[in-house]
Amino acid sequence: MDQIASWVATAATIIAACFTASNLGSRVTGIGFIIFTLGSIAWFTTGYLTDQPALMWTNVVMTGLNLFGVYRWLGRQAKLEEGASKAAEASAAQPGEDLFPASALTASKLLGRDGEPLGSTVDAMLSCHGGTLRYLVVAQGGVAGVGETFRRVDWHYAGVQDGSVKTDMTSADFEALPELQKDNWPGR
């Protein structure tokens, strides 16, 4: 029985780590914490069956932390994202300019002139006093953050349409933009 519990714990821990490390949004991360919770319960069981009190107590604490992660990502963060989404939808039905959640600018695809994905927005820089969006930082290529290139797309070349970040640039226009260093972005 202890072998079964340890293999369940191992599998759950690996799968949960993949879910949380992928950073695919609050729901996927929350599911990762649910799986982590199952893994910590299985590790506790392994500790109990093999008379390892340190393993048991570690996983009592880990279960509590994992449950906090479930609340954080499936409760609080999911509700915040839902609130932002509802505000954007409501603004589309009212006169005036539509709203778009700023948090979406850290995880949206930048679509080019023909709708082709040019890269993924990783951040946006805004002016402190007026709140004007100055530029986007867009990542392109790479795998899991390794080997990606970063480019600055000035906001006057981009915008939000139908819930997506779009630009009139072609792939060639985008790739002609100078590369940014990951840790050194322009101040203006």
C-alpha atoms as a PDB file:
ATOM      1  CA  MET A   1       0.000   0.000   0.000  1.00  0.00           C
ATOM      2  CA  ASP A   2       2.829   2.420   0.818  1.00  0.00           C
ATOM      3  CA  GLN A   3       4.302   1.852  -2.674  1.00  0.00           C
ATOM      4  CA  ILE A   4       0.997   2.740  -4.320  1.00  0.00           C
ATOM      5  CA  ALA A   5       0.670   5.894  -2.187  1.00  0.00           C
ATOM      6  CA  SER A   6       4.230   6.982  -2.999  1.00  0.00           C
ATOM      7  CA  TRP A   7       3.714   6.497  -6.756  1.00  0.00           C
ATOM      8  CA  VAL A   8       0.410   8.402  -6.646  1.00  0.00           C
ATOM      9  CA  ALA A   9       2.195  11.176  -4.721  1.00  0.00           C
ATOM     10  CA  THR A  10       5.054  11.260  -7.212  1.00  0.00           C
ATOM     11  CA  ALA A  11       2.758  11.394 -10.242  1.00  0.00           C
ATOM     12  CA  ALA A  12       0.497  14.037  -8.685  1.00  0.00           C
ATOM     13  CA  THR A  13       3.454  16.229  -7.733  1.00  0.00           C
ATOM     14  CA  ILE A  14       4.946  16.081 -11.238  1.00  0.00           C
ATOM     15  CA  ILE A  15       1.620  16.755 -12.976  1.00  0.00           C
ATOM     16  CA  ALA A  16       0.776  19.604 -10.593  1.00  0.00           C
ATOM     17  CA  ALA A  17       4.185  21.197 -11.109  1.00  0.00           C
ATOM     18  CA  CYS A  18       3.599  21.122 -14.885  1.00  0.00           C
ATOM     19  CA  PHE A  19       0.197  22.807 -14.468  1.00  0.00           C
ATOM     20  CA  THR A  20       1.439  25.578 -12.195  1.00  0.00           C
ATOM     21  CA  ALA A  21       4.719  26.205 -14.024  1.00  0.00           C
ATOM     22  CA  SER A  22       2.973  26.548 -17.391  1.00  0.00           C
ATOM     23  CA  ASN A  23       1.363  29.852 -16.303  1.00  0.00           C
ATOM     24  CA  LEU A  24      -1.677  29.337 -18.521  1.00  0.00           C
ATOM     25  CA  GLY A  25      -4.085  31.336 -16.393  1.00  0.00           C
ATOM     26  CA  SER A  26      -5.830  31.161 -13.058  1.00  0.00           C
ATOM     27  CA  ARG A  27      -7.974  28.124 -13.828  1.00  0.00           C
ATOM     28  CA  VAL A  28      -5.054  25.929 -14.947  1.00  0.00           C
ATOM     29  CA  THR A  29      -2.938  27.082 -12.003  1.00  0.00           C
ATOM     30  CA  GLY A  30      -5.859  26.413  -9.618  1.00  0.00           C
ATOM     31  CA  ILE A  31      -6.258  22.901 -11.017  1.00  0.00           C
ATOM     32  CA  GLY A  32      -2.526  22.441 -10.460  1.00  0.00           C
ATOM     33  CA  PHE A  33      -3.018  23.308  -6.786  1.00  0.00           C
ATOM     34  CA  ILE A  34      -5.885  20.818  -6.528  1.00  0.00           C
ATOM     35  CA  ILE A  35      -3.551  18.138  -7.886  1.00  0.00           C
ATOM     36  CA  PHE A  36      -0.799  19.330  -5.506  1.00  0.00           C
ATOM     37  CA  THR A  37      -3.293  18.897  -2.649  1.00  0.00           C
ATOM     38  CA  LEU A  38      -3.981  15.305  -3.704  1.00  0.00           C
ATOM     39  CA  GLY A  39      -0.222  14.728  -3.927  1.00  0.00           C
ATOM     40  CA  SER A  40       0.445  16.114  -0.452  1.00  0.00           C
ATOM     41  CA  ILE A  41      -2.299  13.879   0.957  1.00  0.00           C
ATOM     42  CA  ALA A  42      -0.668  10.907  -0.785  1.00  0.00           C
ATOM     43  CA  TRP A  43       2.746  11.920   0.608  1.00  0.00           C
ATOM     44  CA  PHE A  44       1.196  12.190   4.083  1.00  0.00           C
ATOM     45  CA  THR A  45      -0.236   8.693   3.624  1.00  0.00           C
ATOM     46  CA  THR A  46       3.180   7.416   2.547  1.00  0.00           C
ATOM     47  CA  GLY A  47       4.730   8.960   5.660  1.00  0.00           C
ATOM     48  CA  TYR A  48       2.067   7.395   7.855  1.00  0.00           C
ATOM     49  CA  LEU A  49       2.423   3.930   6.314  1.00  0.00           C
ATOM     50  CA  THR A  50       6.229   4.001   6.516  1.00  0.00           C
ATOM     51  CA  ASP A  51       6.427   5.626   9.963  1.00  0.00           C
ATOM     52  CA  GLN A  52       8.042   8.876   8.792  1.00  0.00           C
ATOM     53  CA  PRO A  53       6.695  11.687  11.015  1.00  0.00           C
ATOM     54  CA  ALA A  54       8.769  14.396   9.267  1.00  0.00           C
ATOM     55  CA  LEU A  55       7.201  13.483   5.918  1.00  0.00           C
ATOM     56  CA  MET A  56       3.760  13.488   7.537  1.00  0.00           C
ATOM     57  CA  TRP A  57       4.149  16.909   9.177  1.00  0.00           C
ATOM     58  CA  THR A  58       5.712  18.450   6.088  1.00  0.00           C
ATOM     59  CA  ASN A  59       2.701  17.391   4.078  1.00  0.00           C
ATOM     60  CA  VAL A  60       0.194  18.570   6.674  1.00  0.00           C
ATOM     61  CA  VAL A  61       1.700  22.036   6.102  1.00  0.00           C
ATOM     62  CA  MET A  62       1.896  21.496   2.326  1.00  0.00           C
ATOM     63  CA  THR A  63      -1.779  20.511   2.220  1.00  0.00           C
ATOM     64  CA  GLY A  64      -2.676  23.782   3.948  1.00  0.00           C
ATOM     65  CA  LEU A  65      -0.511  25.782   1.524  1.00  0.00           C
ATOM     66  CA  ASN A  66      -1.963  23.945  -1.457  1.00  0.00           C
ATOM     67  CA  LEU A  67      -5.513  24.645  -0.270  1.00  0.00           C
ATOM     68  CA  PHE A  68      -4.550  28.328  -0.021  1.00  0.00           C
ATOM     69  CA  GLY A  69      -3.327  28.065  -3.642  1.00  0.00           C
ATOM     70  CA  VAL A  70      -6.693  26.609  -4.674  1.00  0.00           C
ATOM     71  CA  TYR A  71      -8.476  29.535  -2.997  1.00  0.00           C
ATOM     72  CA  ARG A  72      -6.013  32.061  -4.452  1.00  0.00           C
ATOM     73  CA  TRP A  73      -6.285  30.893  -8.061  1.00  0.00           C
ATOM     74  CA  LEU A  74      -9.756  29.330  -8.379  1.00  0.00           C
ATOM     75  CA  GLY A  75     -11.408  31.651  -5.892  1.00  0.00           C
ATOM     76  CA  ARG A  76      -9.932  35.125  -5.703  1.00  0.00           C
ATOM     77  CA  GLN A  77      -8.025  35.409  -9.005  1.00  0.00           C
ATOM     78  CA  ALA A  78     -10.750  33.722 -11.054  1.00  0.00           C
ATOM     79  CA  LYS A  79     -13.320  36.163  -9.594  1.00  0.00           C
ATOM     80  CA  LEU A  80     -11.088  39.150 -10.425  1.00  0.00           C
ATOM     81  CA  GLU A  81     -10.693  37.945 -14.003  1.00  0.00           C
ATOM     82  CA  GLU A  82     -14.442  37.380 -14.231  1.00  0.00           C
ATOM     83  CA  GLY A  83     -15.091  40.910 -12.953  1.00  0.00           C
ATOM     84  CA  ALA A  84     -12.742  42.405 -15.545  1.00  0.00           C
ATOM     85  CA  SER A  85     -14.337  40.337 -18.308  1.00  0.00           C
ATOM     86  CA  LYS A  86     -17.852  41.399 -17.316  1.00  0.00           C
ATOM     87  CA  ALA A  87     -16.810  45.066 -17.217  1.00  0.00           C
ATOM     88  CA  ALA A  88     -15.365  44.768 -20.730  1.00  0.00           C
ATOM     89  CA  GLU A  89     -18.549  43.079 -21.997  1.00  0.00           C
ATOM     90  CA  ALA A  90     -20.781  45.686 -20.333  1.00  0.00           C
ATOM     91  CA  SER A  91     -18.763  48.546 -21.827  1.00  0.00           C
ATOM     92  CA  ALA A  92     -19.342  47.176 -25.335  1.00  0.00           C
ATOM     93  CA  ALA A  93     -23.097  47.518 -24.825  1.00  0.00           C
ATOM     94  CA  GLN A  94     -22.874  51.134 -23.632  1.00  0.00           C
ATOM     95  CA  PRO A  95     -22.141  54.347 -25.509  1.00  0.00           C
ATOM     96  CA  GLY A  96     -18.532  55.505 -25.458  1.00  0.00           C
ATOM     97  CA  GLU A  97     -15.213  53.774 -25.653  1.00  0.00           C
ATOM     98  CA  ASP A  98     -15.032  50.049 -24.876  1.00  0.00           C
ATOM     99  CA  LEU A  99     -12.944  48.867 -21.926  1.00  0.00           C
ATOM    100  CA  PHE A 100     -10.251  46.195 -21.953  1.00  0.00           C
ATOM    101  CA  PRO A 101      -8.619  44.717 -18.817  1.00  0.00           C
ATOM    102  CA  ALA A 102      -5.010  45.878 -18.476  1.00  0.00           C
ATOM    103  CA  SER A 103      -4.131  42.478 -16.995  1.00  0.00           C
ATOM    104  CA  ALA A 104      -4.873  40.942 -20.396  1.00  0.00           C
ATOM    105  CA  LEU A 105      -1.910  42.865 -21.808  1.00  0.00           C
ATOM    106  CA  THR A 106       0.448  40.500 -19.997  1.00  0.00           C
ATOM    107  CA  ALA A 107      -0.874  37.377 -21.689  1.00  0.00           C
ATOM    108  CA  SER A 108      -2.443  38.251 -25.035  1.00  0.00           C
ATOM    109  CA  LYS A 109      -1.397  37.305 -28.532  1.00  0.00           C
ATOM    110  CA  LEU A 110      -0.447  40.252 -30.713  1.00  0.00           C
ATOM    111  CA  LEU A 111      -2.237  39.715 -34.020  1.00  0.00           C
ATOM    112  CA  GLY A 112      -0.843  41.214 -37.229  1.00  0.00           C
ATOM    113  CA  ARG A 113      -2.526  42.756 -40.241  1.00  0.00           C
ATOM    114  CA  ASP A 114      -3.951  39.465 -41.531  1.00  0.00           C
ATOM    115  CA  GLY A 115      -4.751  38.080 -38.091  1.00  0.00           C
ATOM    116  CA  GLU A 116      -1.530  36.090 -37.865  1.00  0.00           C
ATOM    117  CA  PRO A 117      -0.003  35.866 -34.367  1.00  0.00           C
ATOM    118  CA  LEU A 118       3.198  37.900 -34.182  1.00  0.00           C
ATOM    119  CA  GLY A 119       4.046  37.148 -30.565  1.00  0.00           C
ATOM    120  CA  SER A 120       2.712  37.275 -27.015  1.00  0.00           C
ATOM    121  CA  THR A 121       2.444  40.455 -25.001  1.00  0.00           C
ATOM    122  CA  VAL A 122       4.363  40.117 -21.756  1.00  0.00           C
ATOM    123  CA  ASP A 123       3.890  43.618 -20.356  1.00  0.00           C
ATOM    124  CA  ALA A 124       2.890  47.171 -21.125  1.00  0.00           C
ATOM    125  CA  MET A 125       4.405  50.481 -20.062  1.00  0.00           C
ATOM    126  CA  LEU A 126       2.082  53.343 -19.088  1.00  0.00           C
ATOM    127  CA  SER A 127       2.767  56.972 -18.199  1.00  0.00           C
ATOM    128  CA  CYS A 128       2.535  57.683 -14.486  1.00  0.00           C
ATOM    129  CA  HIS A 129       0.482  60.871 -14.590  1.00  0.00           C
ATOM    130  CA  GLY A 130      -1.879  60.461 -17.510  1.00  0.00           C
ATOM    131  CA  GLY A 131      -2.104  56.688 -17.553  1.00  0.00           C
ATOM    132  CA  THR A 132      -1.458  56.685 -21.287  1.00  0.00           C
ATOM    133  CA  LEU A 133      -0.302  53.350 -22.597  1.00  0.00           C
ATOM    134  CA  ARG A 134       3.080  54.015 -24.241  1.00  0.00           C
ATOM    135  CA  TYR A 135       4.258  50.652 -25.522  1.00  0.00           C
ATOM    136  CA  LEU A 136       3.872  46.885 -25.349  1.00  0.00           C
ATOM    137  CA  VAL A 137       6.675  44.414 -24.834  1.00  0.00           C
ATOM    138  CA  VAL A 138       6.060  41.427 -27.070  1.00  0.00           C
ATOM    139  CA  ALA A 139       7.879  38.087 -26.868  1.00  0.00           C
ATOM    140  CA  GLN A 140       8.399  35.949 -29.934  1.00  0.00           C
ATOM    141  CA  GLY A 141       9.742  32.443 -30.407  1.00  0.00           C
ATOM    142  CA  GLY A 142      11.546  30.298 -27.893  1.00  0.00           C
ATOM    143  CA  VAL A 143      10.312  27.444 -25.780  1.00  0.00           C
ATOM    144  CA  ALA A 144       9.176  27.962 -22.177  1.00  0.00           C
ATOM    145  CA  GLY A 145      10.887  31.365 -22.095  1.00  0.00           C
ATOM    146  CA  VAL A 146      14.219  30.104 -23.436  1.00  0.00           C
ATOM    147  CA  GLY A 147      15.392  31.608 -26.706  1.00  0.00           C
ATOM    148  CA  GLU A 148      12.597  34.137 -27.062  1.00  0.00           C
ATOM    149  CA  THR A 149      13.172  37.608 -28.457  1.00  0.00           C
ATOM    150  CA  PHE A 150      11.496  40.772 -27.195  1.00  0.00           C
ATOM    151  CA  ARG A 151      10.363  43.765 -29.193  1.00  0.00           C
ATOM    152  CA  ARG A 152       8.749  47.070 -28.327  1.00  0.00           C
ATOM    153  CA  VAL A 153       5.511  47.880 -30.125  1.00  0.00           C
ATOM    154  CA  ASP A 154       4.504  51.503 -29.640  1.00  0.00           C
ATOM    155  CA  TRP A 155       0.852  51.718 -28.665  1.00  0.00           C
ATOM    156  CA  HIS A 156      -0.003  54.040 -31.560  1.00  0.00           C
ATOM    157  CA  TYR A 157       0.747  51.027 -33.823  1.00  0.00           C
ATOM    158  CA  ALA A 158      -1.504  48.706 -31.809  1.00  0.00           C
ATOM    159  CA  GLY A 159      -4.940  48.617 -30.276  1.00  0.00           C
ATOM    160  CA  VAL A 160      -7.649  46.370 -28.963  1.00  0.00           C
ATOM    161  CA  GLN A 161     -10.379  45.142 -31.281  1.00  0.00           C
ATOM    162  CA  ASP A 162     -12.924  42.457 -30.482  1.00  0.00           C
ATOM    163  CA  GLY A 163     -11.081  41.547 -27.287  1.00  0.00           C
ATOM    164  CA  SER A 164      -7.732  40.968 -29.021  1.00  0.00           C
ATOM    165  CA  VAL A 165      -4.570  43.057 -29.226  1.00  0.00           C
ATOM    166  CA  LYS A 166      -4.040  43.883 -32.892  1.00  0.00           C
ATOM    167  CA  THR A 167      -1.629  45.812 -35.053  1.00  0.00           C
ATOM    168  CA  ASP A 168      -1.534  46.750 -38.717  1.00  0.00           C
ATOM    169  CA  MET A 169       2.028  45.405 -38.933  1.00  0.00           C
ATOM    170  CA  THR A 170       2.983  42.417 -41.012  1.00  0.00           C
ATOM    171  CA  SER A 171       5.295  39.719 -39.718  1.00  0.00           C
ATOM    172  CA  ALA A 172       8.174  41.368 -41.623  1.00  0.00           C
ATOM    173  CA  ASP A 173       7.365  44.780 -40.078  1.00  0.00           C
ATOM    174  CA  PHE A 174       7.332  43.248 -36.615  1.00  0.00           C
ATOM    175  CA  GLU A 175      10.594  41.361 -37.081  1.00  0.00           C
ATOM    176  CA  ALA A 176      12.242  44.560 -38.361  1.00  0.00           C
ATOM    177  CA  LEU A 177      11.667  46.207 -34.960  1.00  0.00           C
ATOM    178  CA  PRO A 178      14.824  46.325 -32.828  1.00  0.00           C
ATOM    179  CA  GLU A 179      15.148  43.634 -30.179  1.00  0.00           C
ATOM    180  CA  LEU A 180      14.921  44.557 -26.501  1.00  0.00           C
ATOM    181  CA  GLN A 181      17.075  43.097 -23.804  1.00  0.00           C
ATOM    182  CA  LYS A 182      14.983  41.064 -21.359  1.00  0.00           C
ATOM    183  CA  ASP A 183      16.156  43.222 -18.449  1.00  0.00           C
ATOM    184  CA  ASN A 184      16.672  46.637 -20.090  1.00  0.00           C
ATOM    185  CA  TRP A 185      13.650  48.388 -21.622  1.00  0.00           C
ATOM    186  CA  PRO A 186      13.445  51.964 -22.903  1.00  0.00           C
ATOM    187  CA  GLY A 187      12.492  54.683 -20.410  1.00  0.00           C
ATOM    188  CA  ARG A 188      10.464  56.643 -22.932  1.00  0.00           C
END
